[in-house]
Amino acid sequence: MLQFLEIVLSEFLTTPVRSQLRRSSQSKLIKFLEPFILTIAKCIPHHLNEEIFLLCEHALELRLSLTLKPCLPNDELIQTLVESLTDKYTMRSKAHKRLVKYFLTRVIVEESLTLIS
């Protein structure tokens, strides 16, 4: 199931369909992705497969690419991701390190800098 979701999200990121969405469809997709990413983040510590990290990364990338203006994901999402990525039961792997690096560079640093400027 996770592989299916990862394939769908990665295809959505690579195809030109994303750029052809109307603003109303983009806002609906953002409203769907916020709780979806939150649910994925809450599952990270309890998961034994590496696909969860890639799925979370693709969902975050899709959420950030659909943003009409620079804005960070909500505070609850950021807090849940930080807690999940640093939880003592979270599996440590290359995929975990890649998600942590992506989260820190793309979500925290780059999005924060776009809000400042």
N, C-alpha and C. Protein backbone atom coordinates (compact mmCIF):
# COMPACT_ATOMS: atom_id res chain seq x y z
N MET A 1 0.82 -1.19 0.00
CA MET A 1 0.00 0.00 0.00
C MET A 1 0.86 1.26 0.00
N LEU A 2 1.92 1.26 0.80
CA LEU A 2 2.79 2.43 0.83
C LEU A 2 3.48 2.64 -0.50
N GLN A 3 3.88 1.56 -1.16
CA GLN A 3 4.52 1.70 -2.46
C GLN A 3 3.56 2.30 -3.47
N PHE A 4 2.29 1.91 -3.40
CA PHE A 4 1.29 2.47 -4.31
C PHE A 4 1.15 3.97 -4.09
N LEU A 5 1.03 4.39 -2.83
CA LEU A 5 0.92 5.82 -2.54
C LEU A 5 2.16 6.58 -2.96
N GLU A 6 3.32 5.97 -2.74
CA GLU A 6 4.58 6.62 -3.15
C GLU A 6 4.64 6.79 -4.65
N ILE A 7 4.20 5.78 -5.40
CA ILE A 7 4.20 5.86 -6.87
C ILE A 7 3.24 6.96 -7.34
N VAL A 8 2.07 7.03 -6.74
CA VAL A 8 1.09 8.05 -7.12
C VAL A 8 1.63 9.44 -6.86
N LEU A 9 2.19 9.65 -5.66
CA LEU A 9 2.72 10.98 -5.33
C LEU A 9 3.92 11.35 -6.18
N SER A 10 4.81 10.40 -6.44
CA SER A 10 5.99 10.72 -7.25
C SER A 10 5.59 11.01 -8.69
N GLU A 11 4.60 10.29 -9.21
CA GLU A 11 4.12 10.58 -10.57
C GLU A 11 3.46 11.95 -10.63
N PHE A 12 2.72 12.27 -9.60
CA PHE A 12 2.06 13.58 -9.56
C PHE A 12 3.08 14.70 -9.52
N LEU A 13 4.22 14.45 -8.85
CA LEU A 13 5.27 15.46 -8.78
C LEU A 13 6.00 15.64 -10.11
N THR A 14 6.12 14.59 -10.90
CA THR A 14 6.91 14.66 -12.12
C THR A 14 6.10 15.01 -13.36
N THR A 15 4.81 14.88 -13.32
CA THR A 15 4.01 15.15 -14.51
C THR A 15 3.58 16.60 -14.55
N PRO A 16 3.28 17.10 -15.75
CA PRO A 16 2.84 18.49 -15.88
C PRO A 16 1.41 18.72 -15.40
N VAL A 17 0.74 17.68 -14.94
CA VAL A 17 -0.64 17.82 -14.46
C VAL A 17 -0.71 18.83 -13.32
N ARG A 18 0.30 18.80 -12.44
CA ARG A 18 0.32 19.69 -11.29
C ARG A 18 0.24 21.15 -11.70
N SER A 19 0.95 21.51 -12.77
CA SER A 19 0.96 22.91 -13.20
C SER A 19 -0.34 23.32 -13.88
N GLN A 20 -1.14 22.34 -14.28
CA GLN A 20 -2.39 22.64 -14.97
C GLN A 20 -3.59 22.71 -14.04
N LEU A 21 -3.38 22.47 -12.76
CA LEU A 21 -4.48 22.53 -11.80
C LEU A 21 -4.93 23.97 -11.60
N ARG A 22 -6.23 24.13 -11.46
CA ARG A 22 -6.76 25.45 -11.13
C ARG A 22 -6.49 25.74 -9.67
N ARG A 23 -6.56 27.01 -9.30
CA ARG A 23 -6.29 27.41 -7.92
C ARG A 23 -7.24 26.74 -6.93
N SER A 24 -8.49 26.58 -7.30
CA SER A 24 -9.44 25.93 -6.40
C SER A 24 -9.06 24.47 -6.18
N SER A 25 -8.61 23.80 -7.23
CA SER A 25 -8.17 22.41 -7.09
C SER A 25 -6.90 22.32 -6.27
N GLN A 26 -6.01 23.28 -6.44
CA GLN A 26 -4.78 23.29 -5.65
C GLN A 26 -5.10 23.47 -4.17
N SER A 27 -6.01 24.38 -3.85
CA SER A 27 -6.35 24.59 -2.44
C SER A 27 -7.04 23.37 -1.84
N LYS A 28 -7.85 22.68 -2.63
CA LYS A 28 -8.49 21.45 -2.15
C LYS A 28 -7.44 20.36 -1.90
N LEU A 29 -6.46 20.28 -2.79
CA LEU A 29 -5.40 19.29 -2.62
C LEU A 29 -4.55 19.61 -1.40
N ILE A 30 -4.29 20.88 -1.15
CA ILE A 30 -3.55 21.28 0.05
C ILE A 30 -4.33 20.91 1.30
N LYS A 31 -5.64 21.15 1.29
CA LYS A 31 -6.48 20.79 2.44
C LYS A 31 -6.48 19.28 2.68
N PHE A 32 -6.35 18.49 1.61
CA PHE A 32 -6.26 17.04 1.76
C PHE A 32 -4.89 16.63 2.27
N LEU A 33 -3.83 17.26 1.76
CA LEU A 33 -2.47 16.85 2.09
C LEU A 33 -2.08 17.15 3.53
N GLU A 34 -2.58 18.24 4.11
CA GLU A 34 -2.22 18.60 5.49
C GLU A 34 -2.53 17.46 6.47
N PRO A 35 -3.78 16.97 6.56
CA PRO A 35 -4.03 15.86 7.49
C PRO A 35 -3.39 14.55 7.04
N PHE A 36 -3.21 14.37 5.73
CA PHE A 36 -2.57 13.16 5.22
C PHE A 36 -1.12 13.08 5.69
N ILE A 37 -0.39 14.17 5.57
CA ILE A 37 1.00 14.22 6.01
C ILE A 37 1.07 14.06 7.53
N LEU A 38 0.12 14.66 8.23
CA LEU A 38 0.08 14.53 9.68
C LEU A 38 -0.11 13.07 10.09
N THR A 39 -0.97 12.37 9.40
CA THR A 39 -1.20 10.95 9.68
C THR A 39 0.05 10.13 9.39
N ILE A 40 0.71 10.42 8.27
CA ILE A 40 1.95 9.72 7.93
C ILE A 40 3.00 9.98 9.00
N ALA A 41 3.12 11.23 9.43
CA ALA A 41 4.13 11.58 10.43
C ALA A 41 3.89 10.85 11.74
N LYS A 42 2.63 10.69 12.12
CA LYS A 42 2.33 9.99 13.36
C LYS A 42 2.65 8.50 13.26
N CYS A 43 2.67 7.96 12.05
CA CYS A 43 2.96 6.53 11.85
C CYS A 43 4.45 6.22 11.78
N ILE A 44 5.28 7.20 11.58
CA ILE A 44 6.71 6.98 11.37
C ILE A 44 7.37 6.17 12.50
N PRO A 45 7.16 6.52 13.77
CA PRO A 45 7.85 5.74 14.82
C PRO A 45 7.42 4.28 14.91
N HIS A 46 6.24 3.96 14.42
CA HIS A 46 5.71 2.60 14.56
C HIS A 46 5.89 1.76 13.31
N HIS A 47 6.58 2.30 12.32
CA HIS A 47 6.72 1.61 11.04
C HIS A 47 8.08 0.96 10.91
N LEU A 48 8.10 -0.21 10.30
CA LEU A 48 9.35 -0.94 10.12
C LEU A 48 9.85 -0.89 8.68
N ASN A 49 9.10 -0.28 7.79
CA ASN A 49 9.50 -0.19 6.38
C ASN A 49 10.04 1.20 6.07
N GLU A 50 11.02 1.25 5.18
CA GLU A 50 11.62 2.52 4.80
C GLU A 50 10.72 3.35 3.88
N GLU A 51 9.71 2.74 3.28
CA GLU A 51 8.85 3.45 2.34
C GLU A 51 8.14 4.63 3.00
N ILE A 52 7.92 4.55 4.30
CA ILE A 52 7.20 5.62 4.99
C ILE A 52 7.96 6.95 4.90
N PHE A 53 9.30 6.88 4.91
CA PHE A 53 10.10 8.10 4.82
C PHE A 53 9.99 8.74 3.44
N LEU A 54 10.08 7.92 2.41
CA LEU A 54 9.96 8.42 1.04
C LEU A 54 8.56 8.96 0.77
N LEU A 55 7.56 8.28 1.29
CA LEU A 55 6.18 8.74 1.13
C LEU A 55 5.98 10.09 1.80
N CYS A 56 6.52 10.24 2.97
CA CYS A 56 6.43 11.52 3.69
C CYS A 56 7.16 12.63 2.93
N GLU A 57 8.32 12.31 2.41
CA GLU A 57 9.09 13.30 1.64
C GLU A 57 8.33 13.75 0.39
N HIS A 58 7.76 12.80 -0.34
CA HIS A 58 7.00 13.15 -1.55
C HIS A 58 5.74 13.96 -1.21
N ALA A 59 5.07 13.59 -0.14
CA ALA A 59 3.87 14.33 0.26
C ALA A 59 4.21 15.75 0.67
N LEU A 60 5.32 15.92 1.41
CA LEU A 60 5.76 17.27 1.79
C LEU A 60 6.14 18.09 0.56
N GLU A 61 6.87 17.48 -0.36
CA GLU A 61 7.28 18.19 -1.58
C GLU A 61 6.06 18.63 -2.39
N LEU A 62 5.09 17.74 -2.51
CA LEU A 62 3.87 18.09 -3.24
C LEU A 62 3.13 19.21 -2.53
N ARG A 63 3.04 19.14 -1.22
CA ARG A 63 2.36 20.19 -0.45
C ARG A 63 3.05 21.54 -0.62
N LEU A 64 4.38 21.55 -0.58
CA LEU A 64 5.11 22.81 -0.72
C LEU A 64 5.08 23.33 -2.15
N SER A 65 5.03 22.44 -3.14
CA SER A 65 5.00 22.90 -4.53
C SER A 65 3.64 23.46 -4.92
N LEU A 66 2.61 23.10 -4.19
CA LEU A 66 1.27 23.61 -4.49
C LEU A 66 0.96 24.92 -3.79
N THR A 67 1.81 25.35 -2.91
CA THR A 67 1.55 26.57 -2.17
C THR A 67 1.50 27.76 -3.11
N LEU A 68 0.43 28.51 -2.99
CA LEU A 68 0.24 29.66 -3.87
C LEU A 68 1.12 30.83 -3.45
N LYS A 69 1.39 30.95 -2.18
CA LYS A 69 2.30 31.97 -1.66
C LYS A 69 3.19 31.29 -0.63
N PRO A 70 4.36 31.83 -0.35
CA PRO A 70 5.25 31.18 0.61
C PRO A 70 4.61 31.09 1.99
N CYS A 71 4.48 29.88 2.50
CA CYS A 71 3.99 29.69 3.86
C CYS A 71 4.45 28.32 4.36
N LEU A 72 4.75 28.28 5.62
CA LEU A 72 5.16 27.02 6.25
C LEU A 72 3.93 26.15 6.49
N PRO A 73 4.13 24.85 6.54
CA PRO A 73 3.04 23.99 7.00
C PRO A 73 2.65 24.38 8.43
N ASN A 74 1.48 23.99 8.86
CA ASN A 74 1.01 24.43 10.17
C ASN A 74 1.91 23.90 11.30
N ASP A 75 1.80 24.54 12.45
CA ASP A 75 2.66 24.23 13.59
C ASP A 75 2.50 22.80 14.07
N GLU A 76 1.27 22.29 14.05
CA GLU A 76 1.03 20.92 14.50
C GLU A 76 1.78 19.92 13.63
N LEU A 77 1.80 20.18 12.32
CA LEU A 77 2.49 19.29 11.39
C LEU A 77 4.00 19.31 11.64
N ILE A 78 4.56 20.49 11.80
CA ILE A 78 6.00 20.61 12.05
C ILE A 78 6.36 19.94 13.38
N GLN A 79 5.57 20.17 14.42
CA GLN A 79 5.83 19.57 15.71
C GLN A 79 5.75 18.04 15.64
N THR A 80 4.74 17.52 14.95
CA THR A 80 4.58 16.07 14.83
C THR A 80 5.74 15.46 14.05
N LEU A 81 6.17 16.12 12.97
CA LEU A 81 7.30 15.60 12.21
C LEU A 81 8.57 15.58 13.03
N VAL A 82 8.83 16.64 13.76
CA VAL A 82 10.04 16.69 14.60
C VAL A 82 9.98 15.58 15.67
N GLU A 83 8.84 15.43 16.32
CA GLU A 83 8.71 14.40 17.34
C GLU A 83 8.87 13.00 16.74
N SER A 84 8.29 12.78 15.57
CA SER A 84 8.37 11.46 14.94
C SER A 84 9.77 11.13 14.47
N LEU A 85 10.45 12.12 13.90
CA LEU A 85 11.79 11.87 13.38
C LEU A 85 12.82 11.68 14.48
N THR A 86 12.54 12.20 15.67
CA THR A 86 13.49 12.08 16.77
C THR A 86 13.05 11.05 17.81
N ASP A 87 11.92 10.39 17.58
CA ASP A 87 11.41 9.40 18.51
C ASP A 87 12.41 8.25 18.67
N LYS A 88 12.51 7.70 19.86
CA LYS A 88 13.49 6.63 20.10
C LYS A 88 13.12 5.33 19.38
N TYR A 89 11.88 5.17 18.98
CA TYR A 89 11.46 3.96 18.27
C TYR A 89 11.51 4.10 16.75
N THR A 90 11.82 5.27 16.25
CA THR A 90 11.90 5.47 14.81
C THR A 90 13.12 4.73 14.26
N MET A 91 12.88 3.97 13.20
CA MET A 91 13.95 3.20 12.57
C MET A 91 14.96 4.16 11.93
N ARG A 92 16.23 3.98 12.23
CA ARG A 92 17.29 4.81 11.65
C ARG A 92 17.83 4.11 10.41
N SER A 93 17.85 4.84 9.29
CA SER A 93 18.35 4.28 8.03
C SER A 93 18.74 5.44 7.13
N LYS A 94 19.20 5.10 5.93
CA LYS A 94 19.54 6.15 4.97
C LYS A 94 18.30 6.94 4.58
N ALA A 95 17.17 6.26 4.47
CA ALA A 95 15.92 6.95 4.12
C ALA A 95 15.52 7.92 5.24
N HIS A 96 15.75 7.54 6.48
CA HIS A 96 15.46 8.42 7.62
C HIS A 96 16.35 9.66 7.55
N LYS A 97 17.63 9.45 7.31
CA LYS A 97 18.57 10.58 7.22
C LYS A 97 18.20 11.51 6.08
N ARG A 98 17.78 10.93 4.94
CA ARG A 98 17.40 11.75 3.78
C ARG A 98 16.17 12.59 4.10
N LEU A 99 15.18 12.02 4.79
CA LEU A 99 13.99 12.78 5.16
C LEU A 99 14.33 13.87 6.17
N VAL A 100 15.18 13.57 7.13
CA VAL A 100 15.59 14.59 8.10
C VAL A 100 16.29 15.74 7.39
N LYS A 101 17.20 15.42 6.49
CA LYS A 101 17.92 16.46 5.74
C LYS A 101 16.95 17.27 4.90
N TYR A 102 16.04 16.59 4.21
CA TYR A 102 15.04 17.29 3.39
C TYR A 102 14.18 18.20 4.26
N PHE A 103 13.70 17.68 5.37
CA PHE A 103 12.84 18.45 6.26
C PHE A 103 13.55 19.69 6.77
N LEU A 104 14.79 19.53 7.19
CA LEU A 104 15.53 20.68 7.73
C LEU A 104 15.86 21.71 6.66
N THR A 105 16.31 21.26 5.49
CA THR A 105 16.72 22.22 4.46
C THR A 105 15.52 22.83 3.74
N ARG A 106 14.60 22.02 3.31
CA ARG A 106 13.51 22.53 2.48
C ARG A 106 12.40 23.17 3.29
N VAL A 107 11.96 22.50 4.31
CA VAL A 107 10.80 22.99 5.06
C VAL A 107 11.19 24.08 6.04
N ILE A 108 12.20 23.83 6.83
CA ILE A 108 12.53 24.79 7.88
C ILE A 108 13.34 25.96 7.33
N VAL A 109 14.47 25.70 6.69
CA VAL A 109 15.36 26.78 6.27
C VAL A 109 14.81 27.55 5.06
N GLU A 110 14.56 26.87 3.95
CA GLU A 110 14.16 27.57 2.73
C GLU A 110 12.81 28.26 2.86
N GLU A 111 11.83 27.59 3.43
CA GLU A 111 10.51 28.21 3.58
C GLU A 111 10.58 29.38 4.56
N SER A 112 11.36 29.27 5.61
CA SER A 112 11.51 30.37 6.56
C SER A 112 12.17 31.57 5.90
N LEU A 113 13.18 31.31 5.06
CA LEU A 113 13.86 32.40 4.37
C LEU A 113 12.95 33.09 3.38
N THR A 114 12.06 32.37 2.71
CA THR A 114 11.14 33.00 1.77
C THR A 114 10.11 33.86 2.50
N LEU A 115 9.78 33.47 3.72
CA LEU A 115 8.84 34.30 4.51
C LEU A 115 9.50 35.59 4.99
N ILE A 116 10.79 35.53 5.26
CA ILE A 116 11.51 36.71 5.76
C ILE A 116 11.68 37.73 4.64
N SER A 117 12.01 37.26 3.43
CA SER A 117 12.29 38.21 2.35
C SER A 117 11.07 38.69 1.64
